[in-house]
Amino acid sequence: MKNFQYLLAAWIAVWVVFFFYQVSLSRRFSQLFDEVKRLKERLKDSTPD
């Protein structure tokens, strides 16, 4: 049990990295969906009816 502190620190570090990775992915997907929505609207406006 003398290395428990290092194991706990590594476990916490992994979860912190995972959390920030998830936040990063969420922001990227949000930006991507916004751009797709904008492009669909632009395409709809440019096509003759």
C-alpha atoms as a PDB file:
ATOM      1  CA  MET A   1       0.000   0.000   0.000  1.00  0.00           C
ATOM      2  CA  LYS A   2       2.970   2.332  -0.007  1.00  0.00           C
ATOM      3  CA  ASN A   3       2.465   3.149  -3.715  1.00  0.00           C
ATOM      4  CA  PHE A   4      -1.238   3.860  -3.296  1.00  0.00           C
ATOM      5  CA  GLN A   5      -0.686   7.633  -3.487  1.00  0.00           C
ATOM      6  CA  TYR A   6       0.936   7.306  -6.913  1.00  0.00           C
ATOM      7  CA  LEU A   7      -1.845   5.039  -8.143  1.00  0.00           C
ATOM      8  CA  LEU A   8      -4.465   7.490  -6.933  1.00  0.00           C
ATOM      9  CA  ALA A   9      -2.639  10.434  -8.527  1.00  0.00           C
ATOM     10  CA  ALA A  10      -2.410   8.580 -11.859  1.00  0.00           C
ATOM     11  CA  TRP A  11      -6.086   7.606 -11.688  1.00  0.00           C
ATOM     12  CA  ILE A  12      -7.117  11.212 -11.050  1.00  0.00           C
ATOM     13  CA  ALA A  13      -4.837  12.472 -13.832  1.00  0.00           C
ATOM     14  CA  VAL A  14      -6.368  10.040 -16.324  1.00  0.00           C
ATOM     15  CA  TRP A  15      -9.895  11.155 -15.433  1.00  0.00           C
ATOM     16  CA  VAL A  16      -8.954  14.840 -15.670  1.00  0.00           C
ATOM     17  CA  VAL A  17      -7.464  14.299 -19.138  1.00  0.00           C
ATOM     18  CA  PHE A  18     -10.534  12.292 -20.173  1.00  0.00           C
ATOM     19  CA  PHE A  19     -12.860  15.040 -18.917  1.00  0.00           C
ATOM     20  CA  PHE A  20     -11.052  17.772 -20.851  1.00  0.00           C
ATOM     21  CA  TYR A  21     -10.972  15.580 -23.954  1.00  0.00           C
ATOM     22  CA  GLN A  22     -14.755  15.145 -23.717  1.00  0.00           C
ATOM     23  CA  VAL A  23     -15.244  18.896 -23.319  1.00  0.00           C
ATOM     24  CA  SER A  24     -13.041  19.481 -26.356  1.00  0.00           C
ATOM     25  CA  LEU A  25     -15.017  16.982 -28.442  1.00  0.00           C
ATOM     26  CA  SER A  26     -18.284  18.532 -27.340  1.00  0.00           C
ATOM     27  CA  ARG A  27     -17.164  21.977 -28.466  1.00  0.00           C
ATOM     28  CA  ARG A  28     -15.942  20.649 -31.817  1.00  0.00           C
ATOM     29  CA  PHE A  29     -19.207  18.817 -32.485  1.00  0.00           C
ATOM     30  CA  SER A  30     -21.192  21.895 -31.538  1.00  0.00           C
ATOM     31  CA  GLN A  31     -19.203  24.014 -33.988  1.00  0.00           C
ATOM     32  CA  LEU A  32     -19.562  21.336 -36.658  1.00  0.00           C
ATOM     33  CA  PHE A  33     -23.345  21.129 -36.240  1.00  0.00           C
ATOM     34  CA  ASP A  34     -23.606  24.927 -36.389  1.00  0.00           C
ATOM     35  CA  GLU A  35     -21.613  24.996 -39.610  1.00  0.00           C
ATOM     36  CA  VAL A  36     -23.702  22.222 -41.173  1.00  0.00           C
ATOM     37  CA  LYS A  37     -26.867  24.113 -40.238  1.00  0.00           C
ATOM     38  CA  ARG A  38     -25.470  27.318 -41.741  1.00  0.00           C
ATOM     39  CA  LEU A  39     -24.471  25.524 -44.940  1.00  0.00           C
ATOM     40  CA  LYS A  40     -27.902  23.892 -45.277  1.00  0.00           C
ATOM     41  CA  GLU A  41     -29.574  27.278 -44.942  1.00  0.00           C
ATOM     42  CA  ARG A  42     -27.192  28.771 -47.481  1.00  0.00           C
ATOM     43  CA  LEU A  43     -27.850  25.912 -49.898  1.00  0.00           C
ATOM     44  CA  LYS A  44     -31.615  26.274 -49.434  1.00  0.00           C
ATOM     45  CA  ASP A  45     -31.398  30.019 -50.136  1.00  0.00           C
ATOM     46  CA  SER A  46     -29.304  29.557 -53.262  1.00  0.00           C
ATOM     47  CA  THR A  47     -31.486  26.963 -55.002  1.00  0.00           C
ATOM     48  CA  PRO A  48     -34.221  28.311 -57.268  1.00  0.00           C
ATOM     49  CA  ASP A  49     -37.765  27.208 -56.466  1.00  0.00           C
END
